[in-house]
Protein backbone atom coordinates (compact mmCIF):
# COMPACT_ATOMS: atom_id res chain seq x y z
CA MET A 1 32.91 -351.08 156.35
CA LEU A 2 29.94 -350.59 154.34
CA LYS A 3 27.20 -349.89 157.94
CA ALA A 4 30.14 -347.22 158.89
CA PHE A 5 30.11 -345.37 155.78
CA VAL A 6 26.05 -345.61 155.05
CA SER A 7 26.15 -344.13 158.99
CA VAL A 8 28.16 -341.37 158.06
CA LEU A 9 26.54 -340.17 154.75
CA LEU A 10 23.00 -340.15 157.43
CA ILE A 11 24.95 -338.23 159.83
CA LEU A 12 25.97 -335.82 157.10
CA GLY A 13 22.20 -336.08 155.02
CA CYS A 14 20.95 -335.22 158.30
CA PHE A 15 22.53 -332.45 159.65
CA PHE A 16 22.43 -330.52 156.00
CA VAL A 17 18.74 -330.96 156.06
CA VAL A 18 19.25 -329.17 159.49
CA ALA A 19 21.04 -327.13 158.61
CA HIS A 20 19.17 -325.87 155.04
CA SER A 21 16.21 -326.02 157.73
CA GLN A 22 18.05 -322.66 160.02
CA SER A 23 19.97 -321.45 157.52
CA CYS A 24 15.80 -320.58 155.34
CA VAL A 25 14.70 -319.57 159.14
CA SER A 26 17.12 -317.31 159.72
CA ASP A 27 17.59 -316.06 156.10
CA PRO A 28 14.49 -316.84 153.36
CA SER A 29 15.20 -315.27 150.49
CA PRO A 30 16.87 -317.54 149.12
CA PRO A 31 14.98 -319.38 145.71
CA SER A 32 16.06 -322.88 147.58
CA CYS A 33 14.22 -322.00 150.06
CA SER A 34 10.60 -321.96 148.58
CA SER A 35 9.41 -324.82 149.03
CA TYR A 36 11.12 -324.84 152.81
CA VAL A 37 8.19 -325.95 155.04
CA LEU A 38 7.92 -324.98 158.86
CA PRO A 39 7.92 -328.15 161.26
CA ASP A 40 4.72 -329.17 162.27
CA SER A 41 5.65 -329.73 165.96
CA GLN A 42 8.01 -326.99 166.07
CA ILE A 43 3.93 -324.73 165.47
CA ASP A 44 2.58 -326.66 167.49
CA GLY A 45 4.25 -326.25 169.96
CA SER A 46 4.75 -322.31 169.51
CA ILE A 47 0.79 -322.14 169.22
CA ASN A 48 -0.31 -324.22 172.64
CA ALA A 49 3.30 -321.91 174.50
CA LEU A 50 1.31 -319.03 173.34
CA CYS A 51 -1.77 -320.18 174.27
CA LYS A 52 -0.76 -321.39 177.66
CA MET A 53 0.84 -317.65 178.20
CA MET A 54 -2.16 -315.27 176.89
CA GLY A 55 -5.50 -317.93 176.55
CA ASN A 56 -8.10 -314.86 175.46
CA MET A 57 -6.35 -314.08 172.10
CA PRO A 58 -8.83 -314.20 169.51
CA GLY A 59 -6.33 -316.96 167.29
CA CYS A 60 -6.73 -318.91 170.60
CA SER A 61 -10.04 -319.39 170.23
CA ILE A 62 -9.61 -319.84 166.63
CA ASP A 63 -7.44 -323.04 167.70
CA ASN A 64 -10.09 -324.43 170.24
CA LEU A 65 -12.61 -323.76 168.12
CA CYS A 66 -10.70 -326.68 165.54
CA SER A 67 -10.16 -329.00 167.72
CA GLU A 68 -13.17 -329.09 169.25
CA GLN A 69 -15.84 -328.97 165.76
CA SER A 70 -14.96 -332.26 163.84
CA ASN A 71 -16.31 -330.26 161.03
CA LEU A 72 -13.88 -327.39 161.11
CA ALA A 73 -10.72 -329.78 161.05
CA ASN A 74 -10.39 -329.33 157.50
CA ASP A 75 -10.66 -326.35 156.75
CA ARG A 76 -8.16 -323.98 155.17
CA PHE A 77 -7.94 -321.71 158.58
CA CYS A 78 -7.28 -324.15 160.59
CA ILE A 79 -4.31 -324.72 159.44
CA PRO A 80 -1.48 -325.12 162.27
CA PHE A 81 0.31 -322.72 159.85
CA SER A 82 -2.28 -319.65 159.83
CA ILE A 83 -3.35 -320.13 163.43
CA TYR A 84 0.32 -319.62 163.92
CA LYS A 85 -0.12 -316.29 162.14
CA ASP A 86 -2.61 -315.15 163.59
CA LEU A 87 -0.86 -315.28 167.02
CA CYS A 88 2.48 -314.11 165.89
CA GLU A 89 0.35 -311.05 163.55
CA ASP A 90 -1.12 -310.46 166.74
CA MET A 91 1.16 -310.74 169.08
CA PRO A 92 5.14 -310.94 168.01
CA MET A 93 5.85 -312.64 171.30
CA LYS A 94 9.29 -315.22 172.14
CA ASN A 95 8.05 -318.76 170.59
CA CYS A 96 7.22 -316.12 167.45
CA SER A 97 10.57 -315.58 166.14
CA ALA A 98 10.94 -318.60 163.41
CA TYR A 99 7.60 -317.00 161.99
CA LEU A 100 9.08 -312.73 162.03
CA SER A 101 12.41 -314.29 161.44
CA MET A 102 11.37 -316.72 158.71
CA CYS A 103 8.17 -314.51 156.68
CA GLN A 104 9.88 -311.29 157.10
CA ASN A 105 9.87 -308.87 154.19
CA GLY A 106 11.03 -310.53 150.77
CA THR A 107 11.54 -313.95 151.69
CA SER A 108 10.46 -316.60 149.17
CA VAL A 109 9.10 -319.45 151.61
CA ILE A 110 5.68 -320.14 150.30
CA GLN A 111 4.49 -321.16 153.55
CA CYS A 112 4.29 -317.57 154.15
CA ASP A 113 1.47 -317.28 152.02
CA THR A 114 -0.95 -319.29 154.30
CA GLN A 115 -4.24 -317.04 154.65
CA ALA A 116 -5.26 -316.23 157.44
CA LEU A 117 -8.14 -315.00 159.57
CA PRO A 118 -8.90 -310.99 159.47
CA LEU A 119 -9.04 -312.07 163.22
CA PRO A 120 -9.40 -308.27 164.97
CA SER A 121 -6.17 -308.23 167.40
CA SER A 122 -6.28 -308.77 171.48
CA MET A 123 -6.05 -304.93 172.13
CA GLU A 124 -8.83 -304.01 169.33
CA ILE A 125 -10.69 -306.87 170.87
CA SER A 126 -10.54 -306.16 174.26
CA SER A 127 -11.64 -302.23 173.34
CA LEU A 128 -15.03 -303.06 171.06
CA ILE A 129 -16.22 -305.35 173.66
CA THR A 130 -16.13 -302.62 176.53
CA ASP A 131 -17.77 -300.29 173.93
CA MET A 132 -20.66 -302.28 173.56
CA CYS A 133 -21.05 -303.22 177.04
CA ASN A 134 -20.94 -299.75 177.78
CA ASP A 135 -23.30 -299.07 174.82
CA MET A 136 -26.05 -301.87 175.44
CA TYR A 137 -25.23 -304.00 178.35
CA MET A 138 -25.94 -307.83 177.77
CA ASP A 139 -25.58 -310.98 179.41
CA GLU A 140 -22.29 -312.22 177.54
CA CYS A 141 -21.18 -308.97 179.14
CA GLU A 142 -20.98 -311.19 182.70
CA GLN A 143 -18.89 -313.76 180.57
CA CYS A 144 -15.86 -310.85 181.11
CA MET A 145 -14.42 -308.33 183.91
CA THR A 146 -10.36 -306.51 183.29
CA GLN A 147 -7.56 -308.65 183.82
CA GLY A 148 -5.67 -305.25 184.54
CA GLU A 149 -1.87 -304.99 183.88
CA SER A 150 -0.33 -308.04 182.94
CA LYS A 151 3.23 -309.51 183.46
CA THR A 152 3.93 -311.27 180.02
CA ASN A 153 2.88 -308.13 177.78
CA MET A 154 1.97 -304.81 180.17
CA MET A 155 -1.57 -304.13 178.61
CA SER A 156 -4.79 -304.15 179.95
CA LEU A 157 -7.39 -306.95 178.87
CA LEU A 158 -10.38 -308.32 179.65
CA ASP A 159 -9.58 -311.94 180.84
CA CYS A 160 -12.12 -313.53 178.63
CA ASP A 161 -12.88 -316.02 175.93
CA MET A 162 -13.05 -312.32 174.17
CA LEU A 163 -13.23 -313.04 170.20
CA THR A 164 -16.09 -315.96 171.45
CA VAL A 165 -18.28 -313.08 173.66
CA TYR A 166 -17.11 -310.20 170.91
CA SER A 167 -18.88 -312.61 168.15
CA ASN A 168 -21.21 -313.72 170.88
CA LEU A 169 -22.06 -309.72 170.91
CA CYS A 170 -22.42 -309.21 167.60
CA LEU A 171 -24.47 -311.60 167.39
CA SER A 172 -27.37 -309.95 169.41
CA MET A 173 -26.91 -306.54 167.49
CA PRO A 174 -25.37 -307.56 164.21
CA ASP A 175 -25.71 -303.89 163.63
CA MET A 176 -23.94 -301.75 166.67
CA SER A 177 -21.40 -299.84 164.81
CA GLN A 178 -18.53 -301.98 166.62
CA CYS A 179 -19.30 -305.48 164.72
CA GLN A 180 -17.59 -303.94 161.42
CA ALA A 181 -14.35 -306.42 162.56
CA TRP A 182 -16.42 -309.30 163.06
CA LYS A 183 -18.92 -308.60 159.61
CA THR A 184 -15.26 -308.78 157.89
CA MET A 185 -13.92 -311.41 159.68
CA CYS A 186 -17.33 -313.31 158.70
CA THR A 187 -17.07 -312.82 154.84
CA GLN A 188 -14.59 -315.43 155.60
CA ILE A 189 -16.17 -317.86 157.48
CA PRO A 190 -20.03 -317.63 157.44
CA ASP A 191 -21.12 -320.96 158.55
CA TRP A 192 -18.13 -321.34 161.76
CA PRO A 193 -20.36 -321.01 165.35
CA LEU A 194 -18.74 -317.93 165.77
CA CYS A 195 -20.82 -315.97 163.46
CA SER A 196 -24.14 -317.68 162.54
CA ASN A 197 -26.87 -319.11 164.92
CA GLN A 198 -27.00 -322.46 162.84
CA GLY A 199 -26.16 -325.39 164.64
CA SER A 200 -26.11 -324.01 167.93
CA GLU A 201 -27.52 -325.43 170.80
CA ARG A 202 -28.72 -322.21 172.76
CA PRO A 203 -28.67 -319.93 169.70
CA VAL A 204 -28.42 -315.36 171.07
CA PRO A 205 -31.88 -313.43 169.21
CA SER A 206 -30.21 -310.46 167.70
CA MET A 207 -31.98 -307.38 168.78
CA LYS A 208 -33.24 -306.02 165.55
CA MET A 209 -34.94 -302.23 166.62
CA TYR A 210 -36.72 -302.47 163.48
CA PHE A 211 -39.89 -304.25 161.95
CA HIS A 212 -39.07 -308.03 161.65
CA LEU A 213 -40.52 -311.02 160.43
CA GLY A 214 -39.64 -314.94 162.30
CA ILE A 215 -39.90 -316.30 165.35
CA PHE A 216 -36.55 -316.10 167.02
CA ASP A 217 -36.74 -313.42 170.22
CA TYR A 218 -36.25 -312.05 173.35
CA ILE A 219 -39.57 -312.31 174.75
CA LEU A 220 -40.37 -310.04 178.21
CA PHE A 221 -38.15 -312.66 180.06
CA ARG A 222 -34.18 -314.41 179.24
CA SER A 223 -35.55 -317.98 178.94
CA TRP A 224 -39.10 -316.59 176.95
CA VAL A 225 -37.39 -317.38 172.78
CA PRO A 226 -39.34 -319.44 170.64
CA ARG A 227 -36.90 -321.85 169.43
CA SER A 228 -39.80 -322.98 166.76
CA ARG A 229 -43.19 -322.96 164.27
CA LEU A 230 -44.89 -324.12 167.33
CA ALA A 231 -43.81 -322.56 170.27
CA TYR A 232 -44.52 -319.03 168.28
CA ALA A 233 -47.78 -319.75 167.52
CA ALA A 234 -48.44 -320.88 171.93
CA THR A 235 -46.24 -316.98 172.26
CA PHE A 236 -48.43 -315.40 169.57
CA LEU A 237 -52.21 -317.29 171.13
CA VAL A 238 -50.37 -316.22 174.69
CA VAL A 239 -49.72 -312.23 173.37
CA VAL A 240 -53.94 -312.34 171.56
CA ILE A 241 -55.58 -313.83 175.11
CA ALA A 242 -53.50 -311.21 177.00
CA GLN A 243 -54.45 -308.01 174.99
CA VAL A 244 -58.48 -309.54 174.98
CA PHE A 245 -58.56 -310.02 179.10
CA HIS A 246 -56.71 -306.42 179.11
CA ASP A 247 -59.95 -305.55 177.47
CA PHE A 248 -62.01 -307.43 179.88
CA LEU A 249 -60.28 -305.67 182.80
CA LYS A 250 -60.92 -302.72 181.28
CA PHE A 251 -64.59 -303.91 181.80
CA LEU A 252 -63.78 -304.60 185.39
CA ARG A 253 -62.97 -301.14 185.83
CA LYS A 254 -66.20 -300.13 184.25
CA LYS A 255 -68.15 -302.29 186.56
CA ALA A 256 -66.75 -302.18 189.36
CA GLU A 257 -66.80 -298.22 188.55
CA SER A 258 -70.31 -297.61 188.79
CA LYS A 259 -71.44 -300.43 190.95
CA TRP A 260 -69.22 -297.53 193.76
CA LYS A 261 -71.00 -294.06 192.27
CA GLN A 262 -74.60 -296.11 192.78
CA GLN A 263 -73.17 -296.67 195.86
CA ARG A 264 -72.35 -293.42 196.39
CA ASN A 265 -74.92 -292.14 195.52
CA SER A 266 -77.39 -294.01 197.50
CA ILE A 267 -75.52 -292.83 200.06
CA GLN A 268 -75.25 -289.13 199.49
CA LEU A 269 -79.48 -289.03 198.61
CA HIS A 270 -80.24 -290.48 202.73
CA ASP A 271 -77.58 -288.23 203.93
CA MET A 272 -79.15 -285.14 201.82
CA ASP A 273 -82.91 -286.13 203.66
CA SER A 274 -81.16 -286.43 206.90
CA GLN A 275 -80.00 -283.14 206.12
CA ALA A 276 -76.04 -284.37 207.33
CA TYR A 277 -74.34 -284.30 204.54
CA THR A 278 -72.29 -280.97 202.48
CA PHE A 279 -71.33 -282.12 199.00
CA VAL A 280 -67.87 -283.00 198.52
CA GLU A 281 -66.66 -282.81 194.70
CA ALA A 282 -64.15 -286.11 196.21
CA PRO A 283 -66.51 -289.07 198.02
CA PRO A 284 -64.76 -290.01 201.07
CA PHE A 285 -62.21 -292.64 201.85
CA ASN A 286 -63.25 -295.94 201.33
CA PHE A 287 -60.64 -299.01 201.82
CA LYS A 288 -62.08 -301.31 200.88
CA VAL A 289 -63.50 -299.77 197.55
CA ASP A 290 -60.27 -297.66 197.30
CA PHE A 291 -58.09 -300.67 197.50
CA ALA A 292 -60.00 -302.69 195.23
CA ARG A 293 -59.67 -299.65 192.73
CA ALA A 294 -55.85 -299.24 193.33
CA THR A 295 -55.00 -302.45 192.83
CA LEU A 296 -57.70 -303.02 190.07
CA HIS A 297 -55.60 -300.60 188.45
CA SER A 298 -52.13 -301.88 189.39
CA VAL A 299 -52.98 -305.64 187.26
CA GLU A 300 -54.02 -302.98 184.31
CA ILE A 301 -51.32 -300.54 184.58
CA THR A 302 -48.61 -303.73 184.40
CA LEU A 303 -50.90 -305.83 181.39
CA GLY A 304 -50.18 -302.74 179.34
CA PHE A 305 -46.59 -302.30 180.07
CA LEU A 306 -46.26 -305.80 179.40
CA ILE A 307 -47.94 -305.64 175.99
CA MET A 308 -46.25 -302.60 174.95
CA LEU A 309 -42.52 -304.48 176.26
CA VAL A 310 -44.35 -306.87 172.96
CA ALA A 311 -44.46 -304.50 170.76
CA MET A 312 -40.68 -303.25 171.73
CA THR A 313 -39.51 -306.30 169.47
CA PHE A 314 -40.80 -305.01 166.63
CA ASN A 315 -42.12 -308.54 165.95
CA LEU A 316 -44.00 -307.86 163.27
CA GLY A 317 -45.72 -311.07 164.51
CA LEU A 318 -46.52 -310.32 167.87
CA PHE A 319 -47.45 -306.93 166.65
CA LEU A 320 -50.27 -308.21 164.72
CA ALA A 321 -51.21 -310.61 167.78
CA ILE A 322 -51.91 -307.49 170.07
CA ILE A 323 -54.07 -306.35 166.62
CA LEU A 324 -55.38 -309.10 166.81
CA GLY A 325 -55.84 -308.63 170.29
CA SER A 326 -57.11 -305.46 171.00
CA PHE A 327 -59.47 -305.62 167.87
CA LEU A 328 -61.32 -309.07 170.02
CA GLY A 329 -61.41 -307.41 173.54
CA THR A 330 -63.09 -304.03 171.98
CA LEU A 331 -65.48 -306.14 170.27
CA ILE A 332 -66.63 -308.26 173.10
CA PHE A 333 -66.09 -305.10 176.11
CA GLY A 334 -65.70 -302.12 173.57
CA ARG A 335 -70.02 -301.85 174.36
CA PHE A 336 -69.58 -301.99 178.31
CA ILE A 337 -66.59 -299.97 178.45
CA TYR A 338 -67.49 -296.76 176.02
CA GLY A 339 -71.25 -297.69 175.59
CA GLY A 340 -72.39 -295.43 178.73
CA GLY A 341 -69.45 -292.18 177.83
CA GLU A 342 -69.16 -291.78 181.64
CA TYR A 343 -65.87 -293.71 182.21
CA GLN A 344 -63.47 -294.00 180.33
CA PRO A 345 -60.16 -296.59 181.78
CA ASN A 346 -57.11 -295.34 181.06
CA THR A 347 -53.82 -297.74 181.48
CA GLY A 348 -51.69 -295.35 181.44
CA SER A 349 -49.71 -297.06 179.12
CA CYS A 350 -48.68 -296.62 175.41
CA HIS A 351 -51.70 -297.91 173.83
């Protein structure tokens, strides 16, 4: 008899709790609902359903990061309700009904005040990525393609991890106007991988269109990125040697032109003595000479443009490496290149 009485009390208690929970979701205004907390199992289920439906939403990227990065597990923005709030503020779909009802205006539920990340919406971030890739196409743009019209939201979104792609674009070019939303987000999570290259296995260099210090820049090729002081020192030395070699090519071409001119003068004198030569301003075509001249000129101008592109990284150290190389090159070869005053090679480059 006692067991039956206890069972009845338990059933009534459970019924009361469920009824109270349902009433606080449907009508969250009573003060008694202030301490109500939406069950974690319900929140996790809703997050999984939302991200299964639209996995490219920014909130889903946050959920994945919180799951994959153990150091973020206890972060306030990795609380399940915070992620749930982000998702439902972005796309108030079917699985957001509990949040939308419980956290409506006038709610007494304290849980609704949980801080969420200031994320750009899915539509906003898709538009920002498109604009950035139209303005300046970068490697990260390859990860996204137009998804087209979706059956779930009837919107055209990019089919990729939009928040990660957007963050990588802004890490590369933080001064682009489209990165304002990223900067706002990163004021809250400055040390997260979305906002910092620190701790990343392959960090992305930022492209700064002004003179700057540092070792972290793309040098001509995607794979040439100094990631240590030793690598940067080696790059500095390569640039100096390249500039010295560029001056050596000028010297080599000057020497070759002098040799060819002597040969031409010798032929002219011989032909004038035999009265079989009519002087013209340009010498006749000589495949051996003209092919060698064209080859030297092409190598010289190619190297000149490559050095110019290194200068356009605006890395102050590499710019000084070019100046140092030019100084050394002129010091060694200048008297041969410019001393005679007869021929001064023109590389066609900007330096």
